Every structure is written in structure tokens, then in C-alpha cells.
Amino acid sequence: MVPVLRVPPRTNLVTAHFRTVAMSAKPGIDYVGVTSGTLVIQPNQTSAEIVIQLLPNPTLNEDRTFGVELFAVSGAGLVRPMATVTIRPSRS
């Protein structure tokens, strides 16, 4: 999950589109890529979460990353439009 925060809480509705951005992690191998999703933060709500499905990858032996980018935001401004997600190998 990727948390999206709105500080301070406001009384208006916020919508934002999001997509994943491949980095060292690859869509279809390490995670399910998203080309266009929609995030909604309701009035007086301070946060929402973007869920990106990770895929089992038995060959993962080092950390890999991908981005989650917000765009086409309505009702708020952006401080940081992209978050980096790190996938770590299982330590079994």
C-alpha cells in the first residue's frame, strides 16, 4: 500500500489519477502495473491508500523499486507527485 496524505484536512473532495512507473522492478514480473487508476480523498479525510499487487518472484535476490505517480489532481496541490516503492527479497 502507498499512503497518500492530505494535510491539513479540508472540506473539499480530492481526486487524483495514478500510474506505476517501472524502475528496477518490472511490471508483470515483480508487481501488477497500473496505467491509470483513480484515488479519491473524501472531505475531511486526511489520507487514502493506493494498493499495488506484488507478484511472487522466486528469483528476486536483491531490492527492486518502482514508482507510483500521481497526476491530473483536482481539489489539491502536490508536494511530491511520485513515491518510490521498494520490494525486498524474502528472508526465509
Protein backbone atom coordinates (compact mmCIF):
# COMPACT_ATOMS: atom_id res chain seq x y z
CA MET A 1 0.00 0.00 0.00
CA VAL A 2 1.12 3.52 -0.78
CA PRO A 3 -0.33 6.11 1.61
CA VAL A 4 -1.39 9.50 0.23
CA LEU A 5 -1.75 12.23 2.85
CA ARG A 6 -3.67 15.50 2.83
CA VAL A 7 -2.53 17.96 5.47
CA PRO A 8 -4.40 19.70 6.97
CA PRO A 9 -7.84 18.13 6.43
CA ARG A 10 -10.10 20.15 4.14
CA THR A 11 -13.82 20.12 3.39
CA ASN A 12 -13.47 19.55 -0.36
CA LEU A 13 -13.24 16.35 -2.41
CA VAL A 14 -9.86 15.48 -3.94
CA THR A 15 -9.37 13.19 -6.92
CA ALA A 16 -6.10 12.13 -8.49
CA HIS A 17 -5.13 9.68 -11.16
CA PHE A 18 -2.17 7.41 -10.57
CA ARG A 19 0.05 5.02 -12.51
CA THR A 20 3.02 2.83 -11.76
CA VAL A 21 6.44 3.64 -13.22
CA ALA A 22 8.93 0.82 -13.84
CA MET A 23 12.37 1.23 -12.29
CA SER A 24 14.47 -1.80 -11.32
CA ALA A 25 11.25 -3.74 -10.59
CA LYS A 26 9.34 -4.77 -13.69
CA PRO A 27 5.55 -4.89 -14.17
CA GLY A 28 4.26 -8.39 -14.83
CA ILE A 29 7.31 -9.88 -13.09
CA ASP A 30 7.55 -8.12 -9.73
CA TYR A 31 4.20 -6.30 -9.50
CA VAL A 32 0.99 -5.70 -11.44
CA GLY A 33 1.46 -2.46 -13.36
CA VAL A 34 -1.26 0.18 -13.38
CA THR A 35 -1.58 2.54 -16.36
CA SER A 36 -4.45 4.57 -14.90
CA GLY A 37 -6.16 4.32 -11.53
CA THR A 38 -8.17 6.86 -9.54
CA LEU A 39 -7.65 7.88 -5.94
CA VAL A 40 -10.38 9.73 -4.01
CA ILE A 41 -9.93 11.57 -0.73
CA GLN A 42 -13.29 12.48 0.77
CA PRO A 43 -13.99 15.81 2.51
CA ASN A 44 -12.40 15.95 5.99
CA GLN A 45 -10.46 12.76 5.27
CA THR A 46 -6.70 13.09 5.81
CA SER A 47 -5.44 10.08 3.84
CA ALA A 48 -6.15 7.35 1.33
CA GLU A 49 -4.17 4.35 0.13
CA ILE A 50 -3.16 3.09 -3.28
CA VAL A 51 -2.89 -0.70 -3.42
CA ILE A 52 -0.48 -2.22 -5.92
CA GLN A 53 -0.38 -6.02 -6.13
CA LEU A 54 3.07 -7.55 -5.74
CA LEU A 55 3.77 -10.79 -7.61
CA PRO A 56 5.66 -13.77 -6.18
CA ASN A 57 9.11 -13.82 -7.73
CA PRO A 58 11.36 -16.64 -6.51
CA THR A 59 14.32 -15.20 -8.47
CA LEU A 60 14.25 -11.90 -6.55
CA ASN A 61 17.60 -11.76 -4.72
CA GLU A 62 18.08 -8.01 -4.28
CA ASP A 63 15.90 -4.98 -3.58
CA ARG A 64 13.94 -3.67 -6.57
CA THR A 65 11.96 -0.46 -6.90
CA PHE A 66 9.09 1.03 -8.85
CA GLY A 67 7.31 4.35 -8.68
CA VAL A 68 3.70 5.34 -8.09
CA GLU A 69 2.98 8.66 -9.76
CA LEU A 70 0.02 10.98 -9.09
CA PHE A 71 -1.24 13.17 -11.94
CA ALA A 72 -4.35 15.10 -13.04
CA VAL A 73 -5.12 16.12 -9.46
CA SER A 74 -8.31 18.03 -8.73
CA GLY A 75 -9.05 19.79 -5.42
CA ALA A 76 -5.49 19.91 -4.04
CA GLY A 77 -1.88 20.59 -4.88
CA LEU A 78 1.01 18.13 -4.86
CA VAL A 79 4.12 18.34 -2.74
CA ARG A 80 5.66 15.13 -4.11
CA PRO A 81 3.98 13.61 -7.20
CA MET A 82 5.91 10.31 -7.12
CA ALA A 83 6.59 7.79 -4.37
CA THR A 84 9.19 5.04 -4.68
CA VAL A 85 8.21 1.54 -3.52
CA THR A 86 10.93 -0.95 -2.57
CA ILE A 87 10.34 -4.69 -2.94
CA ARG A 88 12.69 -6.71 -0.74
CA PRO A 89 13.50 -10.41 -1.21
CA SER A 90 12.00 -12.89 1.25
CA ARG A 91 14.33 -13.72 4.10
CA SER A 92 13.47 -17.37 4.70
